[in-house]
Structure formats: C-alpha cells, structure tokens
Amino acid sequence: MTTVPHSRLFEAGGFMYLPAVFQYSGGVAAAQGFAMVRQRFSKPLPLAEAFAAVEQHLAAIGRPTSAFAHCELRSPAPFSEQGFVAFNRVYVQKLQSWGLFAGGDSQDNPVARTNVCPVYDPPAEPAMYAFSYTVPAGARLTGGFMVAGSGEASEKAGEAYRDRIVALHDNSPEGLVRKVDYVLETMRLRLAGLGFKWSDANSAQIYTVQNIGHLVGPMMAARGIAPAGLCWHYARPPVQGLDYEMDVHGAAADGLIRP
C-alpha cells in the first residue's frame, strides 16, 4: 500500500470524500466554504431512531440530508462476511433515500463510517454512536475532516475477507505489530488523500481487545501520531477475524445530543 488516494467533491453535501467501497468512503473533509461538525449521542440509538434524529437535527439547522458525511456505528457482535454484506445493503438504502448513494451496482458512496462492536454493554441491534455533517463556514468555524475506521484488511475487490486480513489469527507480539502498522499506514494515506497529516488530528480512536499498550509509545507517540492523545474503545472490529481498528478525526466542532 503506497499510493495516496485522490479525493472527489460531493457538491450536494459540501464535502470532499475518498472513494472506497459501496458501504463507505475512506474519509471526508469539508469543502471550501464549509465546516465539518461532529455530534455524539449521549447513548447509542438504534439505527432507525438515529436516522430519524439526524434528519430532525439537520432540518432544525437548515441543512439538507445530503450534508450527512460520516457516522460511527455500534453493532452487537462481529459479523460473518456474508452477514456484513447483508447489513451494508440495508444500511445504504437510507443513504440512497437521502440522495447520498446512487444504489444499484454503484461503488461510489461518499459517506465515511466506523462500525465496531463493544465487548461490554453491546447494543441489542446496530446503533449509531455519533455522526458528522457540513455547515457553512464562519469566522470561527471552518474546515475539518473525518477519516473512516479501518481494520487490518485491504479493500481489494473480489477476495474473501479472510484472504485480505493481515496476520490472520496471529495475536503474537509480532502479529500485533504487523496489524497496527498496516492500519497506521492506512490512516496516513487517507489523511494525505484529504490533504492532512497526523498533526492536524484532534482525535484518534482505537478499537481492539488485544493488548497493544506497549505499541502506543514506539509506534504512535514517537511518530507524532495523535498529538491530542488516543481514545481506546474496548471493542472489536465489525467482521470476524479482524483484531484492530482505528479512525482519526479533525472536526471543526464537536457536540453532544441528548435525544
């Protein structure tokens, strides 16, 4: 993995995005004249309720549903590969109804996403933890980006997940180094594709149940990764066989919604 991806403009939403796969983009950034705002729910909401709350929130601030750029989901447990595809097919139907996804055989989805599975107090069904959207920029509110979550697997089309996972079932110290290094490089490339670097991040979140504490210093802090620190969620990635996931945020503003 050496090529920096190129971003595209999603004009209807006021943001740039990195093309990836049908269920999500690799990341989003506010287009010129806009700012990226993140809102976290005080508790994760089941997807149907969450989408209704997002729609209501956007309408209240005068923004179209096409401004919805990024979401952070929580699922009950890791999916099988077939189960993950089935879930994603249902998920993108809402994006299609909001004018964000063309549907059919389209692989061009501008909305970035993280989807992970908490080990403790998991939701009973897929839920939304947070979401991000664009607003017109102001004197004190401009720019911002959200890099989608990624586990230690390539997005190469046509291959089974297990064939794309780095160090599959290897949680030895050497295996964990390979997994973390792969994900860090994915994050770096996505940041670069959006025109940013690690020092621009104001939040980096890691999702794993593996003991990677000894890697935070030499592999992350020493490289200048996550200058604002790391947030470790004790959660698993969304597909069976994956062990480590990460995302990176640089929102222009961050808020809390109490439904």
Protein backbone atom coordinates (compact mmCIF):
# COMPACT_ATOMS: atom_id res chain seq x y z
CA MET A 1 0.00 0.00 0.00
CA THR A 2 1.87 3.06 -1.25
CA THR A 3 -0.50 5.12 -3.38
CA VAL A 4 -2.14 8.20 -1.88
CA PRO A 5 -5.85 8.16 -2.80
CA HIS A 6 -7.43 11.14 -4.55
CA SER A 7 -10.47 12.89 -3.10
CA ARG A 8 -13.60 13.87 -5.01
CA LEU A 9 -16.09 16.65 -4.40
CA PHE A 10 -19.62 15.76 -3.30
CA GLU A 11 -21.10 19.13 -4.15
CA ALA A 12 -24.59 18.46 -2.80
CA GLY A 13 -23.13 17.86 0.65
CA GLY A 14 -20.37 20.44 0.72
CA PHE A 15 -17.58 17.94 1.33
CA MET A 16 -14.73 16.04 -0.29
CA TYR A 17 -14.51 12.26 0.02
CA LEU A 18 -12.14 9.39 -0.69
CA PRO A 19 -13.78 6.69 -2.87
CA ALA A 20 -13.51 3.24 -1.28
CA VAL A 21 -16.24 0.56 -1.28
CA PHE A 22 -20.02 0.58 -1.64
CA GLN A 23 -20.73 0.77 2.09
CA TYR A 24 -18.48 3.72 2.93
CA SER A 25 -15.84 6.16 1.73
CA GLY A 26 -12.33 6.29 3.15
CA GLY A 27 -12.84 9.70 4.70
CA VAL A 28 -14.42 13.12 4.27
CA ALA A 29 -13.31 16.74 4.57
CA ALA A 30 -15.25 19.98 4.46
CA ALA A 31 -15.18 21.60 1.03
CA GLN A 32 -14.20 25.23 0.64
CA GLY A 33 -16.75 27.44 2.36
CA PHE A 34 -17.93 24.70 4.73
CA ALA A 35 -17.07 23.24 8.13
CA MET A 36 -17.35 19.68 9.44
CA VAL A 37 -19.33 19.29 12.68
CA ARG A 38 -19.50 16.10 14.75
CA GLN A 39 -22.32 15.28 17.15
CA ARG A 40 -22.27 12.35 19.57
CA PHE A 41 -25.46 10.88 21.00
CA SER A 42 -25.50 10.67 24.81
CA LYS A 43 -26.22 6.97 24.26
CA PRO A 44 -26.16 4.98 21.00
CA LEU A 45 -29.53 4.92 19.26
CA PRO A 46 -30.90 2.02 17.19
CA LEU A 47 -30.33 2.88 13.55
CA ALA A 48 -33.93 3.68 12.65
CA GLU A 49 -34.23 6.06 15.62
CA ALA A 50 -30.81 7.52 14.93
CA PHE A 51 -31.52 8.28 11.30
CA ALA A 52 -34.77 9.97 12.33
CA ALA A 53 -32.87 12.03 14.93
CA VAL A 54 -30.24 13.01 12.37
CA GLU A 55 -32.92 14.05 9.90
CA GLN A 56 -34.64 16.14 12.57
CA HIS A 57 -31.36 17.75 13.65
CA LEU A 58 -30.35 18.68 10.11
CA ALA A 59 -33.79 20.10 9.36
CA ALA A 60 -33.65 22.19 12.55
CA ILE A 61 -30.39 23.84 11.49
CA GLY A 62 -31.44 24.28 7.87
CA ARG A 63 -29.15 21.65 6.35
CA PRO A 64 -30.20 19.02 3.75
CA THR A 65 -29.77 15.31 4.39
CA SER A 66 -27.06 15.35 1.70
CA ALA A 67 -24.87 17.18 4.26
CA PHE A 68 -24.63 13.91 6.25
CA ALA A 69 -20.98 12.97 5.74
CA HIS A 70 -19.89 10.45 8.37
CA CYS A 71 -21.23 8.18 11.09
CA GLU A 72 -19.92 5.99 13.89
CA LEU A 73 -21.89 2.80 14.41
CA ARG A 74 -22.00 0.18 17.14
CA SER A 75 -23.03 -3.44 16.45
CA PRO A 76 -23.88 -6.32 18.84
CA ALA A 77 -21.05 -8.63 17.68
CA PRO A 78 -18.70 -9.12 14.73
CA PHE A 79 -20.48 -10.17 11.55
CA SER A 80 -19.65 -13.07 9.28
CA GLU A 81 -18.57 -11.82 5.86
CA GLN A 82 -22.00 -12.66 4.41
CA GLY A 83 -23.77 -11.03 7.35
CA PHE A 84 -21.71 -7.88 6.95
CA VAL A 85 -22.62 -7.58 3.28
CA ALA A 86 -26.31 -8.08 4.11
CA PHE A 87 -26.18 -5.41 6.82
CA ASN A 88 -24.45 -2.97 4.48
CA ARG A 89 -27.05 -3.49 1.75
CA VAL A 90 -29.77 -2.41 4.18
CA TYR A 91 -27.68 0.47 5.58
CA VAL A 92 -27.04 2.10 2.18
CA GLN A 93 -30.77 2.13 1.39
CA LYS A 94 -31.15 5.05 3.82
CA LEU A 95 -28.24 6.87 2.19
CA GLN A 96 -29.87 6.31 -1.18
CA SER A 97 -33.14 7.81 0.04
CA TRP A 98 -31.19 10.86 1.26
CA GLY A 99 -29.54 11.40 -2.11
CA LEU A 100 -26.14 10.21 -0.92
CA PHE A 101 -25.80 6.90 -2.75
CA ALA A 102 -26.77 6.00 -6.30
CA GLY A 103 -27.70 2.41 -5.47
CA GLY A 104 -27.61 -0.50 -7.91
CA ASP A 105 -24.06 -1.58 -8.72
CA SER A 106 -22.58 1.73 -7.61
CA GLN A 107 -19.36 1.55 -5.59
CA ASP A 108 -19.27 5.33 -5.11
CA ASN A 109 -20.52 6.11 -1.60
CA PRO A 110 -19.34 9.48 -0.24
CA VAL A 111 -20.33 8.85 3.40
CA ALA A 112 -17.45 7.75 5.67
CA ARG A 113 -18.07 5.35 8.54
CA THR A 114 -16.72 3.46 11.53
CA ASN A 115 -18.57 0.36 12.75
CA VAL A 116 -17.32 -1.55 15.81
CA CYS A 117 -18.62 -3.99 18.42
CA PRO A 118 -18.34 -3.09 22.14
CA VAL A 119 -17.43 -6.03 24.34
CA TYR A 120 -19.27 -4.69 27.38
CA ASP A 121 -22.85 -3.40 27.23
CA PRO A 122 -23.20 -4.00 23.49
CA PRO A 123 -26.35 -2.74 21.75
CA ALA A 124 -29.13 -5.21 21.12
CA GLU A 125 -29.13 -4.18 17.44
CA PRO A 126 -26.92 -1.99 15.22
CA ALA A 127 -26.90 1.55 16.60
CA MET A 128 -25.40 4.95 15.89
CA TYR A 129 -22.90 6.45 18.34
CA ALA A 130 -22.09 9.72 16.52
CA PHE A 131 -22.47 11.46 13.17
CA SER A 132 -20.89 14.33 11.27
CA TYR A 133 -22.19 16.81 8.71
CA THR A 134 -21.26 20.04 7.00
CA VAL A 135 -22.43 23.57 7.72
CA PRO A 136 -21.48 26.84 6.02
CA ALA A 137 -18.16 28.07 7.36
CA GLY A 138 -17.99 31.08 9.64
CA ALA A 139 -15.34 33.28 11.19
CA ARG A 140 -14.66 30.73 13.95
CA LEU A 141 -15.86 27.57 12.27
CA THR A 142 -14.19 26.29 9.12
CA GLY A 143 -12.65 23.18 7.60
CA GLY A 144 -12.43 19.84 9.34
CA PHE A 145 -12.22 16.17 8.37
CA MET A 146 -13.17 12.65 9.46
CA VAL A 147 -11.15 9.59 8.43
CA ALA A 148 -13.20 6.39 8.27
CA GLY A 149 -12.38 3.48 10.51
CA SER A 150 -10.27 0.67 9.09
CA GLY A 151 -9.17 -2.72 10.32
CA GLU A 152 -6.12 -4.70 9.24
CA ALA A 153 -7.54 -5.84 5.89
CA SER A 154 -7.16 -4.47 2.39
CA GLU A 155 -10.18 -3.32 0.38
CA LYS A 156 -9.18 -5.35 -2.68
CA ALA A 157 -12.32 -6.29 -4.57
CA GLY A 158 -13.15 -9.89 -5.33
CA GLU A 159 -11.28 -11.50 -2.45
CA ALA A 160 -12.75 -13.05 0.69
CA TYR A 161 -12.16 -11.09 3.89
CA ARG A 162 -10.03 -13.80 5.47
CA ASP A 163 -7.69 -13.66 2.47
CA ARG A 164 -7.19 -9.92 2.94
CA ILE A 165 -6.55 -9.84 6.71
CA VAL A 166 -3.01 -9.08 7.84
CA ALA A 167 -1.60 -11.71 10.22
CA LEU A 168 -4.91 -13.57 10.43
CA HIS A 169 -5.42 -15.13 13.90
CA ASP A 170 -1.89 -14.06 14.88
CA ASN A 171 -2.04 -12.07 18.11
CA SER A 172 1.58 -12.66 19.00
CA PRO A 173 3.69 -9.53 19.64
CA GLU A 174 4.98 -9.77 16.07
CA GLY A 175 1.50 -10.26 14.65
CA LEU A 176 0.10 -7.27 16.52
CA VAL A 177 2.95 -5.09 15.25
CA ARG A 178 2.06 -6.05 11.67
CA LYS A 179 -1.64 -5.36 12.24
CA VAL A 180 -1.12 -1.97 13.92
CA ASP A 181 1.47 -0.91 11.35
CA TYR A 182 -0.89 -1.74 8.48
CA VAL A 183 -3.75 0.27 9.97
CA LEU A 184 -1.49 3.24 10.79
CA GLU A 185 -0.34 3.33 7.18
CA THR A 186 -3.96 3.21 6.01
CA MET A 187 -4.75 6.18 8.25
CA ARG A 188 -1.71 8.12 6.99
CA LEU A 189 -2.67 7.57 3.37
CA ARG A 190 -6.27 8.58 3.95
CA LEU A 191 -5.16 11.71 5.78
CA ALA A 192 -2.84 12.56 2.89
CA GLY A 193 -5.62 11.94 0.38
CA LEU A 194 -7.75 14.53 2.17
CA GLY A 195 -4.84 16.98 2.37
CA PHE A 196 -3.97 16.49 6.06
CA LYS A 197 -1.33 14.89 8.27
CA TRP A 198 -1.23 13.43 11.77
CA SER A 199 -0.57 16.78 13.43
CA ASP A 200 -3.92 18.06 12.09
CA ALA A 201 -5.89 15.47 14.08
CA ASN A 202 -7.70 16.42 17.27
CA SER A 203 -8.88 12.87 17.99
CA ALA A 204 -7.67 9.36 17.24
CA GLN A 205 -9.71 6.36 18.36
CA ILE A 206 -8.53 2.76 18.54
CA TYR A 207 -10.78 -0.29 18.79
CA THR A 208 -9.34 -3.59 20.00
CA VAL A 209 -9.45 -6.12 22.80
CA GLN A 210 -5.82 -7.08 22.21
CA ASN A 211 -3.07 -5.81 24.50
CA ILE A 212 -1.41 -3.19 22.31
CA GLY A 213 -0.46 -0.77 25.12
CA HIS A 214 3.25 -1.42 24.64
CA LEU A 215 2.95 -0.34 20.99
CA VAL A 216 1.44 3.08 21.68
CA GLY A 217 4.77 4.65 22.56
CA PRO A 218 7.13 3.42 19.82
CA MET A 219 4.58 3.05 17.01
CA MET A 220 2.31 6.04 17.66
CA ALA A 221 3.54 8.68 20.11
CA ALA A 222 7.12 8.57 18.87
CA ARG A 223 5.91 9.18 15.30
CA GLY A 224 3.83 12.19 16.29
CA ILE A 225 0.60 10.29 15.84
CA ALA A 226 -2.43 11.62 17.71
CA PRO A 227 -0.91 14.74 19.29
CA ALA A 228 -4.11 15.19 21.29
CA GLY A 229 -3.85 11.66 22.68
CA LEU A 230 -5.64 8.39 21.95
CA CYS A 231 -9.11 7.19 22.91
CA TRP A 232 -9.17 3.40 23.37
CA HIS A 233 -12.58 1.76 22.98
CA TYR A 234 -12.67 -1.81 24.26
CA ALA A 235 -14.40 -3.11 21.17
CA ARG A 236 -13.86 -5.44 18.25
CA PRO A 237 -13.89 -4.56 14.54
CA PRO A 238 -17.14 -5.46 12.73
CA VAL A 239 -16.01 -8.57 10.82
CA GLN A 240 -14.91 -11.89 12.28
CA GLY A 241 -11.14 -12.36 12.06
CA LEU A 242 -10.20 -8.68 12.46
CA ASP A 243 -8.46 -7.61 15.66
CA TYR A 244 -7.56 -3.92 15.38
CA GLU A 245 -9.36 -0.85 14.04
CA MET A 246 -8.67 2.86 14.15
CA ASP A 247 -10.12 6.16 12.95
CA VAL A 248 -8.89 9.76 13.02
CA HIS A 249 -10.92 12.95 13.45
CA GLY A 250 -10.31 16.62 12.92
CA ALA A 251 -13.80 18.09 13.27
CA ALA A 252 -14.18 21.85 13.34
CA ALA A 253 -16.64 21.44 16.22
CA ASP A 254 -17.78 18.58 18.44
CA GLY A 255 -21.08 18.43 20.33
CA LEU A 256 -23.42 16.18 22.28
CA ILE A 257 -27.05 15.39 21.55
CA ARG A 258 -29.38 14.12 24.27
CA PRO A 259 -32.35 12.51 22.48
